[in-house]
Structure formats: C-alpha cells, structure tokens
C-alpha cells in the first residue's frame, strides 16, 4: 500500500511496528509451547502417570516410569557340571521359553560365590 501511495508513511510505520511486536509474541509463545514438551533420553515403554493432566510440575516431580525394552539384565547360574570359564565382555547366546529366538549378550560381571539355595548337597 505504501508503494502504491494508498497510505502515508505516518500510518504505515505504527502498523509495521505493531506487526513486528505480534511476530515477536508468536515467537515467545512458540518457545513456551516447546518448553512444555517432555522427551526421554532413550526409547522405551511408558508406565502409569503419577500426575493429572494440566497439573503444574517441577523438575523434581516423577511424572511416570519409562522402561527400556532394548536391553535386559540377566542373572543365571551354572551348575558344577556345566561350569566353564566365563570372562567379562565375552559374548553368549541364550533363548527364552516364550519364543526360542536365539539372542546375544555380553557378560559384564561375574560373581564366583556359591548360591546356598541351589548348591548340591553332598
């Protein structure tokens, strides 16, 4: 409108300033909306929520639990007849009864003590 001489510079300047203020407000609101998004540091399955929708929370509030499903800690025992040398970082293969798919894992710790409940009686 200004280039077509349909308005004066005196009318254009306050309108442009108001437009810039509105654009700035949109940027502020978009930033505030972005700060309401909560992301997890890893993929997993979310449990029950511990807060109500719309509740005000702090960084100390526990919102829910997040369970990682791409790794698993296994505890297992060797019977004396099966015992063979195991080493930390050694790769092992295992199956679970529900699907018999062969999976692989690495040993990260070894506890050489005898389990009193599973030790054979002599």
PDB file of N, CA and C in Angstrom:
ATOM      1  N   UNK A   1       0.817  -1.184   0.000  1.00  0.00           N
ATOM      2  CA  UNK A   1       0.000   0.000   0.000  1.00  0.00           C
ATOM      3  C   UNK A   1       0.870   1.261   0.000  1.00  0.00           C
ATOM      4  N   UNK A   2       2.003   1.159   0.704  1.00  0.00           N
ATOM      5  CA  UNK A   2       2.884   2.333   0.771  1.00  0.00           C
ATOM      6  C   UNK A   2       3.460   2.637  -0.610  1.00  0.00           C
ATOM      7  N   UNK A   3       3.902   1.594  -1.334  1.00  0.00           N
ATOM      8  CA  UNK A   3       4.484   1.821  -2.662  1.00  0.00           C
ATOM      9  C   UNK A   3       3.437   2.279  -3.670  1.00  0.00           C
ATOM     10  N   UNK A   4       2.181   1.925  -3.449  1.00  0.00           N
ATOM     11  CA  UNK A   4       1.109   2.358  -4.355  1.00  0.00           C
ATOM     12  C   UNK A   4       0.537   3.712  -3.933  1.00  0.00           C
ATOM     13  N   UNK A   5       1.138   4.317  -2.906  1.00  0.00           N
ATOM     14  CA  UNK A   5       0.705   5.607  -2.368  1.00  0.00           C
ATOM     15  C   UNK A   5      -0.735   5.565  -1.856  1.00  0.00           C
ATOM     16  N   UNK A   6      -1.167   4.341  -1.379  1.00  0.00           N
ATOM     17  CA  UNK A   6      -2.521   4.208  -0.842  1.00  0.00           C
ATOM     18  C   UNK A   6      -2.558   4.564   0.638  1.00  0.00           C
ATOM     19  N   UNK A   7      -1.385   4.719   1.251  1.00  0.00           N
ATOM     20  CA  UNK A   7      -1.301   5.108   2.656  1.00  0.00           C
ATOM     21  C   UNK A   7      -0.077   5.986   2.856  1.00  0.00           C
ATOM     22  N   UNK A   8      -0.052   6.714   3.935  1.00  0.00           N
ATOM     23  CA  UNK A   8       1.090   7.585   4.208  1.00  0.00           C
ATOM     24  C   UNK A   8       2.121   6.851   5.058  1.00  0.00           C
ATOM     25  N   UNK A   9       3.349   7.364   5.060  1.00  0.00           N
ATOM     26  CA  UNK A   9       4.422   6.787   5.881  1.00  0.00           C
ATOM     27  C   UNK A   9       4.053   6.858   7.359  1.00  0.00           C
ATOM     28  N   UNK A  10       3.349   7.928   7.768  1.00  0.00           N
ATOM     29  CA  UNK A  10       2.944   8.102   9.171  1.00  0.00           C
ATOM     30  C   UNK A  10       1.942   7.027   9.605  1.00  0.00           C
ATOM     31  N   UNK A  11       1.110   6.551   8.721  1.00  0.00           N
ATOM     32  CA  UNK A  11       0.164   5.472   9.045  1.00  0.00           C
ATOM     33  C   UNK A  11       0.845   4.113   8.959  1.00  0.00           C
ATOM     34  N   UNK A  12       1.812   3.977   8.030  1.00  0.00           N
ATOM     35  CA  UNK A  12       2.484   2.702   7.793  1.00  0.00           C
ATOM     36  C   UNK A  12       3.411   2.318   8.950  1.00  0.00           C
ATOM     37  N   UNK A  13       4.196   3.254   9.457  1.00  0.00           N
ATOM     38  CA  UNK A  13       5.196   2.958  10.480  1.00  0.00           C
ATOM     39  C   UNK A  13       4.602   2.345  11.746  1.00  0.00           C
ATOM     40  N   UNK A  14       3.540   2.892  12.353  1.00  0.00           N
ATOM     41  CA  UNK A  14       2.978   2.253  13.550  1.00  0.00           C
ATOM     42  C   UNK A  14       2.396   0.866  13.265  1.00  0.00           C
ATOM     43  N   UNK A  15       1.837   0.696  12.075  1.00  0.00           N
ATOM     44  CA  UNK A  15       1.284  -0.615  11.707  1.00  0.00           C
ATOM     45  C   UNK A  15       2.400  -1.641  11.570  1.00  0.00           C
ATOM     46  N   UNK A  16       3.508  -1.250  10.959  1.00  0.00           N
ATOM     47  CA  UNK A  16       4.653  -2.159  10.826  1.00  0.00           C
ATOM     48  C   UNK A  16       5.239  -2.498  12.200  1.00  0.00           C
ATOM     49  N   UNK A  17       5.337  -1.511  13.084  1.00  0.00           N
ATOM     50  CA  UNK A  17       5.847  -1.755  14.436  1.00  0.00           C
ATOM     51  C   UNK A  17       4.930  -2.720  15.184  1.00  0.00           C
ATOM     52  N   UNK A  18       3.620  -2.546  15.026  1.00  0.00           N
ATOM     53  CA  UNK A  18       2.658  -3.442  15.671  1.00  0.00           C
ATOM     54  C   UNK A  18       2.789  -4.860  15.120  1.00  0.00           C
ATOM     55  N   UNK A  19       2.994  -4.984  13.806  1.00  0.00           N
ATOM     56  CA  UNK A  19       3.197  -6.296  13.188  1.00  0.00           C
ATOM     57  C   UNK A  19       4.444  -6.974  13.748  1.00  0.00           C
ATOM     58  N   UNK A  20       5.525  -6.238  13.904  1.00  0.00           N
ATOM     59  CA  UNK A  20       6.763  -6.802  14.448  1.00  0.00           C
ATOM     60  C   UNK A  20       6.583  -7.247  15.903  1.00  0.00           C
ATOM     61  N   UNK A  21       5.802  -6.495  16.673  1.00  0.00           N
ATOM     62  CA  UNK A  21       5.504  -6.894  18.057  1.00  0.00           C
ATOM     63  C   UNK A  21       4.705  -8.190  18.070  1.00  0.00           C
ATOM     64  N   UNK A  22       3.710  -8.300  17.183  1.00  0.00           N
ATOM     65  CA  UNK A  22       2.899  -9.521  17.112  1.00  0.00           C
ATOM     66  C   UNK A  22       3.744 -10.726  16.687  1.00  0.00           C
ATOM     67  N   UNK A  23       4.657 -10.533  15.737  1.00  0.00           N
ATOM     68  CA  UNK A  23       5.557 -11.621  15.323  1.00  0.00           C
ATOM     69  C   UNK A  23       6.442 -12.055  16.492  1.00  0.00           C
ATOM     70  N   UNK A  24       6.919 -11.085  17.258  1.00  0.00           N
ATOM     71  CA  UNK A  24       7.747 -11.395  18.423  1.00  0.00           C
ATOM     72  C   UNK A  24       6.940 -12.176  19.458  1.00  0.00           C
ATOM     73  N   UNK A  25       5.685 -11.789  19.659  1.00  0.00           N
ATOM     74  CA  UNK A  25       4.822 -12.517  20.604  1.00  0.00           C
ATOM     75  C   UNK A  25       4.592 -13.950  20.148  1.00  0.00           C
ATOM     76  N   UNK A  26       4.438 -14.154  18.853  1.00  0.00           N
ATOM     77  CA  UNK A  26       4.272 -15.512  18.312  1.00  0.00           C
ATOM     78  C   UNK A  26       5.522 -16.336  18.611  1.00  0.00           C
ATOM     79  N   UNK A  27       6.702 -15.754  18.417  1.00  0.00           N
ATOM     80  CA  UNK A  27       7.955 -16.459  18.715  1.00  0.00           C
ATOM     81  C   UNK A  27       8.042 -16.828  20.194  1.00  0.00           C
ATOM     82  N   UNK A  28       7.636 -15.918  21.067  1.00  0.00           N
ATOM     83  CA  UNK A  28       7.663 -16.193  22.515  1.00  0.00           C
ATOM     84  C   UNK A  28       6.713 -17.328  22.854  1.00  0.00           C
ATOM     85  N   UNK A  29       5.519 -17.297  22.295  1.00  0.00           N
ATOM     86  CA  UNK A  29       4.536 -18.355  22.572  1.00  0.00           C
ATOM     87  C   UNK A  29       5.023 -19.696  22.031  1.00  0.00           C
ATOM     88  N   UNK A  30       5.609 -19.708  20.842  1.00  0.00           N
ATOM     89  CA  UNK A  30       6.151 -20.963  20.291  1.00  0.00           C
ATOM     90  C   UNK A  30       7.262 -21.515  21.173  1.00  0.00           C
ATOM     91  N   UNK A  31       8.089 -20.647  21.734  1.00  0.00           N
ATOM     92  CA  UNK A  31       9.144 -21.087  22.657  1.00  0.00           C
ATOM     93  C   UNK A  31       8.533 -21.672  23.925  1.00  0.00           C
ATOM     94  N   UNK A  32       7.515 -21.027  24.445  1.00  0.00           N
ATOM     95  CA  UNK A  32       6.839 -21.535  25.646  1.00  0.00           C
ATOM     96  C   UNK A  32       6.186 -22.890  25.379  1.00  0.00           C
ATOM     97  N   UNK A  33       5.586 -23.053  24.220  1.00  0.00           N
ATOM     98  CA  UNK A  33       4.985 -24.345  23.860  1.00  0.00           C
ATOM     99  C   UNK A  33       6.060 -25.414  23.752  1.00  0.00           C
ATOM    100  N   UNK A  34       7.194 -25.086  23.141  1.00  0.00           N
ATOM    101  CA  UNK A  34       8.292 -26.049  23.003  1.00  0.00           C
ATOM    102  C   UNK A  34       8.811 -26.498  24.367  1.00  0.00           C
ATOM    103  N   UNK A  35       8.764 -25.608  25.357  1.00  0.00           N
ATOM    104  CA  UNK A  35       9.232 -25.959  26.702  1.00  0.00           C
ATOM    105  C   UNK A  35       8.257 -26.858  27.454  1.00  0.00           C
ATOM    106  N   UNK A  36       7.079 -27.081  26.920  1.00  0.00           N
ATOM    107  CA  UNK A  36       6.111 -27.968  27.578  1.00  0.00           C
ATOM    108  C   UNK A  36       6.256 -29.414  27.122  1.00  0.00           C
ATOM    109  N   UNK A  37       7.110 -29.644  26.149  1.00  0.00           N
ATOM    110  CA  UNK A  37       7.319 -30.992  25.632  1.00  0.00           C
ATOM    111  C   UNK A  37       8.376 -31.684  26.473  1.00  0.00           C
ATOM    112  N   UNK A  38       8.061 -32.899  26.919  1.00  0.00           N
ATOM    113  CA  UNK A  38       8.991 -33.682  27.726  1.00  0.00           C
ATOM    114  C   UNK A  38       9.473 -34.846  26.871  1.00  0.00           C
ATOM    115  N   UNK A  39      10.777 -34.977  26.750  1.00  0.00           N
ATOM    116  CA  UNK A  39      11.339 -36.079  25.973  1.00  0.00           C
ATOM    117  C   UNK A  39      12.220 -36.940  26.874  1.00  0.00           C
ATOM    118  N   UNK A  40      12.290 -38.201  26.537  1.00  0.00           N
ATOM    119  CA  UNK A  40      13.097 -39.148  27.302  1.00  0.00           C
ATOM    120  C   UNK A  40      14.471 -39.292  26.650  1.00  0.00           C
ATOM    121  N   UNK A  41      15.475 -39.657  27.431  1.00  0.00           N
ATOM    122  CA  UNK A  41      16.821 -39.820  26.864  1.00  0.00           C
ATOM    123  C   UNK A  41      17.012 -41.146  26.122  1.00  0.00           C
ATOM    124  N   UNK A  42      15.994 -42.017  26.157  1.00  0.00           N
ATOM    125  CA  UNK A  42      16.074 -43.295  25.451  1.00  0.00           C
ATOM    126  C   UNK A  42      14.666 -43.759  25.117  1.00  0.00           C
ATOM    127  N   UNK A  43      14.564 -44.725  24.178  1.00  0.00           N
ATOM    128  CA  UNK A  43      13.264 -45.264  23.802  1.00  0.00           C
ATOM    129  C   UNK A  43      12.824 -46.300  24.827  1.00  0.00           C
ATOM    130  N   UNK A  44      11.537 -46.395  25.034  1.00  0.00           N
ATOM    131  CA  UNK A  44      11.023 -47.374  25.969  1.00  0.00           C
ATOM    132  C   UNK A  44       9.513 -47.367  26.011  1.00  0.00           C
ATOM    133  N   UNK A  45       8.981 -48.015  27.025  1.00  0.00           N
ATOM    134  CA  UNK A  45       7.542 -48.114  27.228  1.00  0.00           C
ATOM    135  C   UNK A  45       7.185 -47.301  28.467  1.00  0.00           C
ATOM    136  N   UNK A  46       6.183 -46.431  28.336  1.00  0.00           N
ATOM    137  CA  UNK A  46       5.764 -45.563  29.428  1.00  0.00           C
ATOM    138  C   UNK A  46       4.762 -46.304  30.303  1.00  0.00           C
ATOM    139  N   UNK A  47       4.929 -46.177  31.634  1.00  0.00           N
ATOM    140  CA  UNK A  47       4.005 -46.788  32.584  1.00  0.00           C
ATOM    141  C   UNK A  47       2.867 -45.834  32.927  1.00  0.00           C
ATOM    142  N   UNK A  48       2.209 -46.090  34.050  1.00  0.00           N
ATOM    143  CA  UNK A  48       1.118 -45.226  34.505  1.00  0.00           C
ATOM    144  C   UNK A  48       1.665 -43.854  34.864  1.00  0.00           C
ATOM    145  N   UNK A  49       0.863 -42.830  34.640  1.00  0.00           N
ATOM    146  CA  UNK A  49       1.302 -41.485  35.004  1.00  0.00           C
ATOM    147  C   UNK A  49       1.005 -41.219  36.476  1.00  0.00           C
ATOM    148  N   UNK A  50       1.862 -40.429  37.091  1.00  0.00           N
ATOM    149  CA  UNK A  50       1.735 -40.104  38.512  1.00  0.00           C
ATOM    150  C   UNK A  50       1.160 -38.715  38.745  1.00  0.00           C
ATOM    151  N   UNK A  51       0.814 -38.019  37.679  1.00  0.00           N
ATOM    152  CA  UNK A  51       0.266 -36.673  37.796  1.00  0.00           C
ATOM    153  C   UNK A  51      -1.005 -36.580  36.965  1.00  0.00           C
ATOM    154  N   UNK A  52      -1.792 -35.560  37.232  1.00  0.00           N
ATOM    155  CA  UNK A  52      -3.007 -35.330  36.455  1.00  0.00           C
ATOM    156  C   UNK A  52      -2.699 -34.420  35.276  1.00  0.00           C
ATOM    157  N   UNK A  53      -3.454 -34.572  34.210  1.00  0.00           N
ATOM    158  CA  UNK A  53      -3.300 -33.706  33.047  1.00  0.00           C
ATOM    159  C   UNK A  53      -3.597 -32.267  33.471  1.00  0.00           C
ATOM    160  N   UNK A  54      -2.727 -31.359  33.093  1.00  0.00           N
ATOM    161  CA  UNK A  54      -2.893 -29.951  33.429  1.00  0.00           C
ATOM    162  C   UNK A  54      -2.251 -29.538  34.739  1.00  0.00           C
ATOM    163  N   UNK A  55      -1.699 -30.497  35.476  1.00  0.00           N
ATOM    164  CA  UNK A  55      -1.075 -30.179  36.763  1.00  0.00           C
ATOM    165  C   UNK A  55       0.219 -29.403  36.545  1.00  0.00           C
ATOM    166  N   UNK A  56       0.518 -28.519  37.477  1.00  0.00           N
ATOM    167  CA  UNK A  56       1.789 -27.812  37.451  1.00  0.00           C
ATOM    168  C   UNK A  56       2.841 -28.745  38.049  1.00  0.00           C
ATOM    169  N   UNK A  57       3.963 -28.884  37.382  1.00  0.00           N
ATOM    170  CA  UNK A  57       5.010 -29.788  37.858  1.00  0.00           C
ATOM    171  C   UNK A  57       6.326 -29.043  37.966  1.00  0.00           C
ATOM    172  N   UNK A  58       7.242 -29.656  38.720  1.00  0.00           N
ATOM    173  CA  UNK A  58       8.595 -29.128  38.853  1.00  0.00           C
ATOM    174  C   UNK A  58       9.565 -30.177  38.318  1.00  0.00           C
ATOM    175  N   UNK A  59      10.809 -29.832  38.118  1.00  0.00           N
ATOM    176  CA  UNK A  59      11.776 -30.829  37.660  1.00  0.00           C
ATOM    177  C   UNK A  59      11.939 -32.000  38.635  1.00  0.00           C
ATOM    178  N   UNK A  60      11.556 -31.827  39.891  1.00  0.00           N
ATOM    179  CA  UNK A  60      11.698 -32.902  40.880  1.00  0.00           C
ATOM    180  C   UNK A  60      10.519 -33.878  40.860  1.00  0.00           C
ATOM    181  N   UNK A  61       9.435 -33.536  40.183  1.00  0.00           N
ATOM    182  CA  UNK A  61       8.250 -34.400  40.159  1.00  0.00           C
ATOM    183  C   UNK A  61       8.483 -35.628  39.285  1.00  0.00           C
ATOM    184  N   UNK A  62       8.039 -36.781  39.772  1.00  0.00           N
ATOM    185  CA  UNK A  62       8.088 -38.008  38.983  1.00  0.00           C
ATOM    186  C   UNK A  62       6.780 -38.081  38.204  1.00  0.00           C
ATOM    187  N   UNK A  63       6.879 -38.017  36.892  1.00  0.00           N
ATOM    188  CA  UNK A  63       5.693 -37.992  36.040  1.00  0.00           C
ATOM    189  C   UNK A  63       5.207 -39.403  35.756  1.00  0.00           C
ATOM    190  N   UNK A  64       6.123 -40.278  35.409  1.00  0.00           N
ATOM    191  CA  UNK A  64       5.800 -41.659  35.068  1.00  0.00           C
ATOM    192  C   UNK A  64       7.086 -42.477  35.118  1.00  0.00           C
ATOM    193  N   UNK A  65       6.976 -43.744  34.808  1.00  0.00           N
ATOM    194  CA  UNK A  65       8.173 -44.575  34.662  1.00  0.00           C
ATOM    195  C   UNK A  65       8.375 -44.855  33.183  1.00  0.00           C
ATOM    196  N   UNK A  66       9.607 -45.023  32.797  1.00  0.00           N
ATOM    197  CA  UNK A  66       9.952 -45.350  31.425  1.00  0.00           C
ATOM    198  C   UNK A  66      10.856 -46.570  31.466  1.00  0.00           C
ATOM    199  N   UNK A  67      10.409 -47.625  30.843  1.00  0.00           N
ATOM    200  CA  UNK A  67      11.155 -48.886  30.855  1.00  0.00           C
ATOM    201  C   UNK A  67      11.816 -49.081  29.495  1.00  0.00           C
ATOM    202  N   UNK A  68      13.124 -49.243  29.505  1.00  0.00           N
ATOM    203  CA  UNK A  68      13.853 -49.526  28.266  1.00  0.00           C
ATOM    204  C   UNK A  68      13.598 -50.978  27.900  1.00  0.00           C
ATOM    205  N   UNK A  69      13.208 -51.214  26.676  1.00  0.00           N
ATOM    206  CA  UNK A  69      12.929 -52.573  26.254  1.00  0.00           C
ATOM    207  C   UNK A  69      13.979 -53.118  25.297  1.00  0.00           C
ATOM    208  N   UNK A  70      15.008 -52.354  25.030  1.00  0.00           N
ATOM    209  CA  UNK A  70      16.024 -52.825  24.095  1.00  0.00           C
ATOM    210  C   UNK A  70      17.252 -53.407  24.784  1.00  0.00           C
ATOM    211  N   UNK A  71      17.262 -53.446  26.118  1.00  0.00           N
ATOM    212  CA  UNK A  71      18.346 -54.114  26.829  1.00  0.00           C
ATOM    213  C   UNK A  71      17.769 -54.805  28.052  1.00  0.00           C
ATOM    214  N   UNK A  72      18.461 -55.786  28.527  1.00  0.00           N
ATOM    215  CA  UNK A  72      17.959 -56.615  29.604  1.00  0.00           C
ATOM    216  C   UNK A  72      19.131 -57.113  30.430  1.00  0.00           C
ATOM    217  N   UNK A  73      18.963 -57.135  31.728  1.00  0.00           N
ATOM    218  CA  UNK A  73      19.992 -57.673  32.611  1.00  0.00           C
ATOM    219  C   UNK A  73      19.573 -59.106  32.976  1.00  0.00           C
ATOM    220  N   UNK A  74      20.451 -60.047  32.715  1.00  0.00           N
ATOM    221  CA  UNK A  74      20.181 -61.449  33.016  1.00  0.00           C
ATOM    222  C   UNK A  74      21.036 -61.898  34.189  1.00  0.00           C
ATOM    223  N   UNK A  75      20.423 -62.642  35.087  1.00  0.00           N
ATOM    224  CA  UNK A  75      21.159 -63.328  36.137  1.00  0.00           C
ATOM    225  C   UNK A  75      20.948 -64.817  35.902  1.00  0.00           C
ATOM    226  N   UNK A  76      22.014 -65.583  35.865  1.00  0.00           N
ATOM    227  CA  UNK A  76      21.857 -67.017  35.667  1.00  0.00           C
ATOM    228  C   UNK A  76      22.962 -67.750  36.407  1.00  0.00           C
ATOM    229  N   UNK A  77      22.718 -69.024  36.646  1.00  0.00           N
ATOM    230  CA  UNK A  77      23.656 -69.868  37.397  1.00  0.00           C
ATOM    231  C   UNK A  77      24.150 -70.997  36.512  1.00  0.00           C
ATOM    232  N   UNK A  78      25.391 -71.383  36.705  1.00  0.00           N
ATOM    233  CA  UNK A  78      25.934 -72.595  36.104  1.00  0.00           C
ATOM    234  C   UNK A  78      25.965 -73.670  37.175  1.00  0.00           C
ATOM    235  N   UNK A  79      25.485 -74.833  36.833  1.00  0.00           N
ATOM    236  CA  UNK A  79      25.684 -75.972  37.742  1.00  0.00           C
ATOM    237  C   UNK A  79      27.134 -76.431  37.575  1.00  0.00           C
ATOM    238  N   UNK A  80      27.659 -77.116  38.574  1.00  0.00           N
ATOM    239  CA  UNK A  80      29.069 -77.529  38.528  1.00  0.00           C
ATOM    240  C   UNK A  80      29.408 -78.302  37.260  1.00  0.00           C
ATOM    241  N   UNK A  81      28.502 -79.174  36.821  1.00  0.00           N
ATOM    242  CA  UNK A  81      28.805 -79.989  35.630  1.00  0.00           C
ATOM    243  C   UNK A  81      28.828 -79.146  34.359  1.00  0.00           C
ATOM    244  N   UNK A  82      28.154 -77.997  34.387  1.00  0.00           N
ATOM    245  CA  UNK A  82      28.124 -77.138  33.209  1.00  0.00           C
ATOM    246  C   UNK A  82      29.156 -76.017  33.286  1.00  0.00           C
ATOM    247  N   UNK A  83      29.772 -75.880  34.422  1.00  0.00           N
ATOM    248  CA  UNK A  83      30.626 -74.720  34.625  1.00  0.00           C
ATOM    249  C   UNK A  83      31.793 -74.733  33.657  1.00  0.00           C
ATOM    250  N   UNK A  84      31.944 -73.611  33.006  1.00  0.00           N
ATOM    251  CA  UNK A  84      33.053 -73.435  32.090  1.00  0.00           C
ATOM    252  C   UNK A  84      33.582 -72.023  32.295  1.00  0.00           C
ATOM    253  N   UNK A  85      34.782 -71.756  31.906  1.00  0.00           N
ATOM    254  CA  UNK A  85      35.331 -70.427  32.158  1.00  0.00           C
ATOM    255  C   UNK A  85      34.538 -69.341  31.424  1.00  0.00           C
ATOM    256  N   UNK A  86      34.150 -68.339  32.149  1.00  0.00           N
ATOM    257  CA  UNK A  86      33.470 -67.174  31.568  1.00  0.00           C
ATOM    258  C   UNK A  86      34.345 -65.958  31.816  1.00  0.00           C
ATOM    259  N   UNK A  87      34.318 -65.048  30.881  1.00  0.00           N
ATOM    260  CA  UNK A  87      35.130 -63.846  31.003  1.00  0.00           C
ATOM    261  C   UNK A  87      34.255 -62.622  30.768  1.00  0.00           C
ATOM    262  N   UNK A  88      34.609 -61.545  31.438  1.00  0.00           N
ATOM    263  CA  UNK A  88      33.915 -60.286  31.220  1.00  0.00           C
ATOM    264  C   UNK A  88      34.120 -59.863  29.767  1.00  0.00           C
ATOM    265  N   UNK A  89      33.073 -59.347  29.159  1.00  0.00           N
ATOM    266  CA  UNK A  89      32.987 -58.928  27.757  1.00  0.00           C
ATOM    267  C   UNK A  89      32.807 -60.113  26.805  1.00  0.00           C
ATOM    268  N   UNK A  90      32.765 -61.329  27.336  1.00  0.00           N
ATOM    269  CA  UNK A  90      32.536 -62.498  26.487  1.00  0.00           C
ATOM    270  C   UNK A  90      31.105 -62.464  25.964  1.00  0.00           C
ATOM    271  N   UNK A  91      30.921 -62.843  24.723  1.00  0.00           N
ATOM    272  CA  UNK A  91      29.595 -62.906  24.117  1.00  0.00           C
ATOM    273  C   UNK A  91      28.967 -64.262  24.421  1.00  0.00           C
ATOM    274  N   UNK A  92      27.674 -64.259  24.766  1.00  0.00           N
ATOM    275  CA  UNK A  92      26.950 -65.507  25.000  1.00  0.00           C
ATOM    276  C   UNK A  92      25.658 -65.476  24.190  1.00  0.00           C
ATOM    277  N   UNK A  93      25.119 -66.643  23.918  1.00  0.00           N
ATOM    278  CA  UNK A  93      23.827 -66.775  23.247  1.00  0.00           C
ATOM    279  C   UNK A  93      22.856 -67.398  24.224  1.00  0.00           C
ATOM    280  N   UNK A  94      21.583 -66.980  24.154  1.00  0.00           N
ATOM    281  CA  UNK A  94      20.570 -67.535  25.046  1.00  0.00           C
ATOM    282  C   UNK A  94      19.211 -67.497  24.366  1.00  0.00           C
ATOM    283  N   UNK A  95      18.276 -68.248  24.901  1.00  0.00           N
ATOM    284  CA  UNK A  95      16.891 -68.234  24.428  1.00  0.00           C
ATOM    285  C   UNK A  95      15.976 -68.035  25.616  1.00  0.00           C
ATOM    286  N   UNK A  96      14.766 -67.589  25.345  1.00  0.00           N
ATOM    287  CA  UNK A  96      13.739 -67.528  26.380  1.00  0.00           C
ATOM    288  C   UNK A  96      12.626 -68.477  25.981  1.00  0.00           C
ATOM    289  N   UNK A  97      11.902 -68.957  26.968  1.00  0.00           N
ATOM    290  CA  UNK A  97      10.929 -70.008  26.704  1.00  0.00           C
ATOM    291  C   UNK A  97       9.757 -69.560  25.842  1.00  0.00           C
ATOM    292  N   UNK A  98       9.461 -68.271  25.787  1.00  0.00           N
ATOM    293  CA  UNK A  98       8.273 -67.819  25.059  1.00  0.00           C
ATOM    294  C   UNK A  98       8.431 -67.868  23.543  1.00  0.00           C
ATOM    295  N   UNK A  99       9.661 -67.753  23.018  1.00  0.00           N
ATOM    296  CA  UNK A  99       9.765 -67.758  21.553  1.00  0.00           C
ATOM    297  C   UNK A  99      10.964 -68.528  21.002  1.00  0.00           C
ATOM    298  N   UNK A 100      11.871 -68.933  21.840  1.00  0.00           N
ATOM    299  CA  UNK A 100      13.039 -69.733  21.439  1.00  0.00           C
ATOM    300  C   UNK A 100      13.966 -69.029  20.441  1.00  0.00           C
ATOM    301  N   UNK A 101      13.769 -67.735  20.223  1.00  0.00           N
ATOM    302  CA  UNK A 101      14.668 -66.973  19.357  1.00  0.00           C
ATOM    303  C   UNK A 101      16.029 -66.855  20.040  1.00  0.00           C
ATOM    304  N   UNK A 102      17.092 -67.113  19.305  1.00  0.00           N
ATOM    305  CA  UNK A 102      18.437 -67.015  19.861  1.00  0.00           C
ATOM    306  C   UNK A 102      18.830 -65.540  19.934  1.00  0.00           C
ATOM    307  N   UNK A 103      19.214 -65.134  21.146  1.00  0.00           N
ATOM    308  CA  UNK A 103      19.636 -63.752  21.379  1.00  0.00           C
ATOM    309  C   UNK A 103      21.086 -63.748  21.830  1.00  0.00           C
ATOM    310  N   UNK A 104      21.729 -62.613  21.704  1.00  0.00           N
ATOM    311  CA  UNK A 104      23.128 -62.496  22.110  1.00  0.00           C
ATOM    312  C   UNK A 104      23.262 -61.436  23.192  1.00  0.00           C
ATOM    313  N   UNK A 105      24.243 -61.631  24.058  1.00  0.00           N
ATOM    314  CA  UNK A 105      24.527 -60.676  25.129  1.00  0.00           C
ATOM    315  C   UNK A 105      26.010 -60.736  25.440  1.00  0.00           C
ATOM    316  N   UNK A 106      26.470 -59.746  26.208  1.00  0.00           N
ATOM    317  CA  UNK A 106      27.855 -59.719  26.664  1.00  0.00           C
ATOM    318  C   UNK A 106      27.879 -59.786  28.184  1.00  0.00           C
ATOM    319  N   UNK A 107      28.805 -60.540  28.730  1.00  0.00           N
ATOM    320  CA  UNK A 107      28.964 -60.647  30.176  1.00  0.00           C
ATOM    321  C   UNK A 107      29.654 -59.392  30.680  1.00  0.00           C
ATOM    322  N   UNK A 108      29.060 -58.749  31.688  1.00  0.00           N
ATOM    323  CA  UNK A 108      29.686 -57.543  32.227  1.00  0.00           C
ATOM    324  C   UNK A 108      30.125 -57.723  33.671  1.00  0.00           C
ATOM    325  N   UNK A 109      29.696 -58.801  34.338  1.00  0.00           N
ATOM    326  CA  UNK A 109      30.138 -59.059  35.712  1.00  0.00           C
ATOM    327  C   UNK A 109      30.000 -60.543  36.009  1.00  0.00           C
ATOM    328  N   UNK A 110      30.871 -61.037  36.883  1.00  0.00           N
ATOM    329  CA  UNK A 110      30.839 -62.441  37.292  1.00  0.00           C
ATOM    330  C   UNK A 110      30.927 -62.489  38.811  1.00  0.00           C
ATOM    331  N   UNK A 111      30.029 -63.257  39.419  1.00  0.00           N
ATOM    332  CA  UNK A 111      30.045 -63.441  40.871  1.00  0.00           C
ATOM    333  C   UNK A 111      30.381 -64.913  41.131  1.00  0.00           C
ATOM    334  N   UNK A 112      31.578 -65.222  41.590  1.00  0.00           N
ATOM    335  CA  UNK A 112      32.007 -66.612  41.711  1.00  0.00           C
ATOM    336  C   UNK A 112      31.522 -67.333  42.969  1.00  0.00           C
ATOM    337  N   UNK A 113      30.701 -66.684  43.794  1.00  0.00           N
ATOM    338  CA  UNK A 113      30.292 -67.341  45.038  1.00  0.00           C
ATOM    339  C   UNK A 113      29.253 -68.440  44.780  1.00  0.00           C
ATOM    340  N   UNK A 114      29.157 -69.349  45.708  1.00  0.00           N
ATOM    341  CA  UNK A 114      28.203 -70.459  45.629  1.00  0.00           C
ATOM    342  C   UNK A 114      26.873 -69.994  46.187  1.00  0.00           C
ATOM    343  N   UNK A 115      25.822 -70.259  45.446  1.00  0.00           N
ATOM    344  CA  UNK A 115      24.474 -69.927  45.893  1.00  0.00           C
ATOM    345  C   UNK A 115      24.005 -71.031  46.829  1.00  0.00           C
ATOM    346  N   UNK A 116      23.739 -70.698  48.079  1.00  0.00           N
ATOM    347  CA  UNK A 116      23.383 -71.687  49.090  1.00  0.00           C
ATOM    348  C   UNK A 116      22.069 -72.414  48.779  1.00  0.00           C
ATOM    349  N   UNK A 117      21.149 -71.741  48.111  1.00  0.00           N
ATOM    350  CA  UNK A 117      19.858 -72.382  47.821  1.00  0.00           C
ATOM    351  C   UNK A 117      19.925 -73.345  46.647  1.00  0.00           C
ATOM    352  N   UNK A 118      20.897 -73.185  45.759  1.00  0.00           N
ATOM    353  CA  UNK A 118      20.987 -74.076  44.612  1.00  0.00           C
ATOM    354  C   UNK A 118      22.201 -75.005  44.654  1.00  0.00           C
ATOM    355  N   UNK A 119      23.036 -74.863  45.658  1.00  0.00           N
ATOM    356  CA  UNK A 119      24.225 -75.714  45.767  1.00  0.00           C
ATOM    357  C   UNK A 119      23.806 -77.153  46.014  1.00  0.00           C
ATOM    358  N   UNK A 120      24.466 -78.123  45.362  1.00  0.00           N
ATOM    359  CA  UNK A 120      24.118 -79.526  45.571  1.00  0.00           C
ATOM    360  C   UNK A 120      24.519 -79.991  46.969  1.00  0.00           C
ATOM    361  N   UNK A 121      23.685 -80.861  47.523  1.00  0.00           N
ATOM    362  CA  UNK A 121      24.015 -81.428  48.839  1.00  0.00           C
ATOM    363  C   UNK A 121      24.972 -82.575  48.667  1.00  0.00           C
ATOM    364  N   UNK A 122      25.985 -82.656  49.504  1.00  0.00           N
ATOM    365  CA  UNK A 122      26.963 -83.732  49.383  1.00  0.00           C
ATOM    366  C   UNK A 122      26.696 -84.804  50.401  1.00  0.00           C
TER     367      UNK A 122
END
